[in-house]
N, C-alpha and C. Protein backbone atom coordinates (compact mmCIF):
# COMPACT_ATOMS: atom_id res chain seq x y z
N MET A 1 126.57 160.44 66.68
CA MET A 1 125.67 159.34 66.45
C MET A 1 124.38 159.86 65.86
N THR A 2 123.81 159.01 65.02
CA THR A 2 122.55 159.40 64.39
C THR A 2 121.41 158.89 65.24
N ASP A 3 120.25 159.42 64.95
CA ASP A 3 119.05 159.00 65.67
C ASP A 3 118.78 157.52 65.44
N ASP A 4 119.08 157.03 64.25
CA ASP A 4 118.85 155.62 63.93
C ASP A 4 119.75 154.72 64.79
N GLN A 5 121.00 155.11 64.98
CA GLN A 5 121.92 154.33 65.80
C GLN A 5 121.50 154.35 67.27
N ILE A 6 121.07 155.48 67.73
CA ILE A 6 120.61 155.59 69.11
C ILE A 6 119.38 154.71 69.34
N THR A 7 118.49 154.71 68.36
CA THR A 7 117.29 153.87 68.44
C THR A 7 117.67 152.39 68.48
N GLN A 8 118.63 151.99 67.66
CA GLN A 8 119.08 150.60 67.65
C GLN A 8 119.73 150.21 68.97
N ILE A 9 120.55 151.09 69.51
CA ILE A 9 121.20 150.81 70.80
C ILE A 9 120.16 150.72 71.90
N THR A 10 119.19 151.63 71.89
CA THR A 10 118.12 151.62 72.89
C THR A 10 117.32 150.33 72.79
N THR A 11 116.99 149.94 71.56
CA THR A 11 116.24 148.70 71.36
C THR A 11 117.04 147.49 71.85
N GLY A 12 118.32 147.47 71.56
CA GLY A 12 119.19 146.39 72.01
C GLY A 12 119.26 146.32 73.52
N ILE A 13 119.39 147.46 74.16
CA ILE A 13 119.45 147.51 75.62
C ILE A 13 118.14 147.03 76.23
N LEU A 14 117.01 147.43 75.65
CA LEU A 14 115.71 146.98 76.15
C LEU A 14 115.55 145.46 75.98
N GLU A 15 116.03 144.93 74.86
CA GLU A 15 115.95 143.48 74.65
C GLU A 15 116.81 142.74 75.68
N ILE A 16 117.99 143.27 75.93
CA ILE A 16 118.86 142.65 76.94
C ILE A 16 118.21 142.73 78.32
N LYS A 17 117.58 143.85 78.62
CA LYS A 17 116.90 144.02 79.91
C LYS A 17 115.77 143.01 80.04
N ASN A 18 114.98 142.83 78.98
CA ASN A 18 113.89 141.86 79.01
C ASN A 18 114.41 140.43 79.16
N ASP A 19 115.51 140.12 78.49
CA ASP A 19 116.11 138.79 78.60
C ASP A 19 116.58 138.54 80.04
N ILE A 20 117.19 139.53 80.64
CA ILE A 20 117.67 139.40 82.02
C ILE A 20 116.50 139.20 82.97
N GLU A 21 115.41 139.91 82.74
CA GLU A 21 114.23 139.74 83.59
C GLU A 21 113.65 138.33 83.45
N ARG A 22 113.60 137.80 82.22
CA ARG A 22 113.11 136.43 82.02
C ARG A 22 114.03 135.42 82.69
N ILE A 23 115.33 135.64 82.60
CA ILE A 23 116.29 134.75 83.26
C ILE A 23 116.08 134.77 84.77
N ALA A 24 115.86 135.96 85.32
CA ALA A 24 115.63 136.08 86.76
C ALA A 24 114.34 135.34 87.16
N GLU A 25 113.29 135.46 86.35
CA GLU A 25 112.04 134.76 86.64
C GLU A 25 112.24 133.25 86.59
N LYS A 26 112.95 132.77 85.58
CA LYS A 26 113.21 131.34 85.45
C LYS A 26 114.07 130.84 86.60
N GLN A 27 115.02 131.66 87.03
CA GLN A 27 115.87 131.27 88.14
C GLN A 27 115.05 131.17 89.43
N ASP A 28 114.13 132.09 89.65
CA ASP A 28 113.25 132.02 90.82
C ASP A 28 112.39 130.76 90.76
N GLU A 29 111.89 130.45 89.57
CA GLU A 29 111.09 129.24 89.39
C GLU A 29 111.92 127.99 89.68
N MET A 30 113.15 128.00 89.22
CA MET A 30 114.04 126.86 89.45
C MET A 30 114.34 126.71 90.94
N ILE A 31 114.52 127.80 91.63
CA ILE A 31 114.77 127.75 93.07
C ILE A 31 113.58 127.15 93.80
N ARG A 32 112.37 127.55 93.41
CA ARG A 32 111.16 126.98 94.03
C ARG A 32 111.07 125.48 93.76
N ASP A 33 111.37 125.09 92.53
CA ASP A 33 111.33 123.67 92.19
C ASP A 33 112.36 122.88 93.00
N MET A 34 113.55 123.42 93.15
CA MET A 34 114.58 122.74 93.93
C MET A 34 114.17 122.62 95.40
N ARG A 35 113.52 123.62 95.92
CA ARG A 35 113.02 123.54 97.31
C ARG A 35 111.98 122.43 97.43
N ASP A 36 111.11 122.32 96.43
CA ASP A 36 110.11 121.26 96.45
C ASP A 36 110.76 119.88 96.39
N VAL A 37 111.76 119.74 95.55
CA VAL A 37 112.47 118.47 95.45
C VAL A 37 113.17 118.14 96.76
N LYS A 38 113.82 119.12 97.32
CA LYS A 38 114.52 118.92 98.59
C LYS A 38 113.53 118.53 99.69
N SER A 39 112.40 119.19 99.71
CA SER A 39 111.38 118.86 100.69
C SER A 39 110.85 117.44 100.49
N ALA A 40 110.65 117.04 99.24
CA ALA A 40 110.15 115.70 98.96
C ALA A 40 111.15 114.62 99.36
N ILE A 41 112.41 114.94 99.28
CA ILE A 41 113.43 113.94 99.61
C ILE A 41 113.71 113.90 101.10
N TYR A 42 113.90 115.06 101.71
CA TYR A 42 114.39 115.11 103.08
C TYR A 42 113.33 115.31 104.14
N ASN A 43 112.07 115.42 103.78
CA ASN A 43 111.02 115.60 104.77
C ASN A 43 111.04 114.42 105.74
N PRO A 44 111.18 114.67 107.05
CA PRO A 44 111.33 113.56 107.99
C PRO A 44 110.09 112.69 108.14
N ASP A 45 108.93 113.20 107.79
CA ASP A 45 107.71 112.42 107.96
C ASP A 45 107.30 111.66 106.71
N SER A 46 107.41 112.30 105.55
CA SER A 46 106.92 111.65 104.33
C SER A 46 107.90 111.72 103.17
N GLY A 47 109.14 112.08 103.45
CA GLY A 47 110.13 112.19 102.38
C GLY A 47 110.62 110.83 101.91
N LEU A 48 111.43 110.86 100.91
CA LEU A 48 111.97 109.64 100.31
C LEU A 48 112.75 108.83 101.32
N TYR A 49 113.59 109.50 102.11
CA TYR A 49 114.37 108.77 103.11
C TYR A 49 113.48 108.15 104.17
N ALA A 50 112.43 108.82 104.56
CA ALA A 50 111.49 108.26 105.55
C ALA A 50 110.80 107.03 104.97
N ARG A 51 110.43 107.08 103.71
CA ARG A 51 109.79 105.92 103.07
C ARG A 51 110.75 104.74 102.97
N LEU A 52 112.00 105.03 102.61
CA LEU A 52 113.00 103.95 102.53
C LEU A 52 113.24 103.33 103.89
N ARG A 53 113.31 104.15 104.93
CA ARG A 53 113.51 103.63 106.28
C ARG A 53 112.34 102.73 106.68
N ALA A 54 111.13 103.16 106.38
CA ALA A 54 109.95 102.35 106.71
C ALA A 54 109.97 101.04 105.92
N LEU A 55 110.36 101.11 104.67
CA LEU A 55 110.43 99.90 103.84
C LEU A 55 111.48 98.94 104.37
N GLU A 56 112.62 99.44 104.78
CA GLU A 56 113.66 98.59 105.34
C GLU A 56 113.21 97.94 106.64
N GLN A 57 112.51 98.69 107.49
CA GLN A 57 112.00 98.13 108.74
C GLN A 57 110.97 97.04 108.46
N TRP A 58 110.11 97.28 107.48
CA TRP A 58 109.11 96.28 107.11
C TRP A 58 109.80 95.03 106.59
N LYS A 59 110.82 95.23 105.76
CA LYS A 59 111.55 94.09 105.19
C LYS A 59 112.22 93.27 106.28
N GLN A 60 112.80 93.91 107.26
CA GLN A 60 113.43 93.19 108.36
C GLN A 60 112.40 92.40 109.17
N ALA A 61 111.25 93.01 109.42
CA ALA A 61 110.19 92.32 110.16
C ALA A 61 109.68 91.12 109.37
N GLN A 62 109.49 91.28 108.06
CA GLN A 62 109.02 90.18 107.23
C GLN A 62 110.04 89.06 107.18
N SER A 63 111.31 89.42 107.16
CA SER A 63 112.37 88.42 107.14
C SER A 63 112.34 87.59 108.42
N LYS A 64 112.15 88.23 109.55
CA LYS A 64 112.06 87.51 110.83
C LYS A 64 110.85 86.59 110.84
N ILE A 65 109.73 87.07 110.36
CA ILE A 65 108.52 86.24 110.31
C ILE A 65 108.73 85.06 109.38
N GLN A 66 109.34 85.32 108.24
CA GLN A 66 109.59 84.26 107.25
C GLN A 66 110.50 83.18 107.84
N TRP A 67 111.55 83.58 108.52
CA TRP A 67 112.44 82.60 109.14
C TRP A 67 111.71 81.83 110.24
N GLY A 68 110.85 82.49 110.96
CA GLY A 68 110.06 81.81 112.00
C GLY A 68 109.16 80.74 111.39
N VAL A 69 108.50 81.07 110.30
CA VAL A 69 107.62 80.11 109.64
C VAL A 69 108.43 78.94 109.07
N ILE A 70 109.57 79.25 108.45
CA ILE A 70 110.42 78.19 107.88
C ILE A 70 110.89 77.25 108.98
N MET A 71 111.33 77.80 110.10
CA MET A 71 111.80 76.96 111.20
C MET A 71 110.67 76.11 111.77
N ALA A 72 109.46 76.67 111.85
CA ALA A 72 108.32 75.90 112.34
C ALA A 72 108.00 74.74 111.39
N VAL A 73 108.05 75.00 110.09
CA VAL A 73 107.78 73.94 109.10
C VAL A 73 108.86 72.87 109.18
N VAL A 74 110.12 73.28 109.28
CA VAL A 74 111.21 72.31 109.39
C VAL A 74 111.03 71.48 110.67
N GLY A 75 110.65 72.11 111.76
CA GLY A 75 110.40 71.39 113.01
C GLY A 75 109.27 70.39 112.88
N LEU A 76 108.20 70.82 112.23
CA LEU A 76 107.06 69.91 112.05
C LEU A 76 107.41 68.73 111.15
N VAL A 77 108.14 69.00 110.08
CA VAL A 77 108.55 67.92 109.17
C VAL A 77 109.49 66.97 109.91
N THR A 78 110.41 67.51 110.66
CA THR A 78 111.35 66.67 111.42
C THR A 78 110.59 65.82 112.44
N THR A 79 109.66 66.42 113.15
CA THR A 79 108.87 65.68 114.14
C THR A 79 108.06 64.59 113.46
N THR A 80 107.45 64.89 112.34
CA THR A 80 106.65 63.91 111.61
C THR A 80 107.52 62.75 111.14
N LEU A 81 108.67 63.05 110.56
CA LEU A 81 109.59 61.99 110.11
C LEU A 81 110.07 61.15 111.30
N TYR A 82 110.39 61.79 112.40
CA TYR A 82 110.85 61.08 113.59
C TYR A 82 109.77 60.13 114.09
N LYS A 83 108.53 60.60 114.14
CA LYS A 83 107.44 59.75 114.61
C LYS A 83 107.18 58.60 113.64
N MET A 84 107.32 58.88 112.34
CA MET A 84 107.11 57.81 111.35
C MET A 84 108.20 56.74 111.48
N ILE A 85 109.43 57.15 111.71
CA ILE A 85 110.54 56.20 111.83
C ILE A 85 110.42 55.41 113.13
N MET A 86 110.06 56.05 114.22
CA MET A 86 109.98 55.39 115.51
C MET A 86 108.76 54.47 115.60
N ASN A 87 107.69 54.77 114.90
CA ASN A 87 106.48 53.94 114.93
C ASN A 87 106.59 52.77 113.96
N SER A 88 107.56 52.74 113.10
CA SER A 88 107.67 51.66 112.12
C SER A 88 108.18 50.40 112.72
């Protein structure tokens, strides 16, 4: 082998080494990002699932209140109509 070929092989090996190091850095960065995403989703206090659970509980409570108000209005309308019919 000539010195020129050895230099080219050495340069190629160094480029491959640098590429592998960049890939390893990007992979570490990706792992950190995935941990952050996992934490944001599964955190029991402030994660996505905790927010959805709180929203569902709020929705159920609002639904009960709404039905209570509707039934009260229906009762009042019925009572008013009954009194109007009986007083006529």
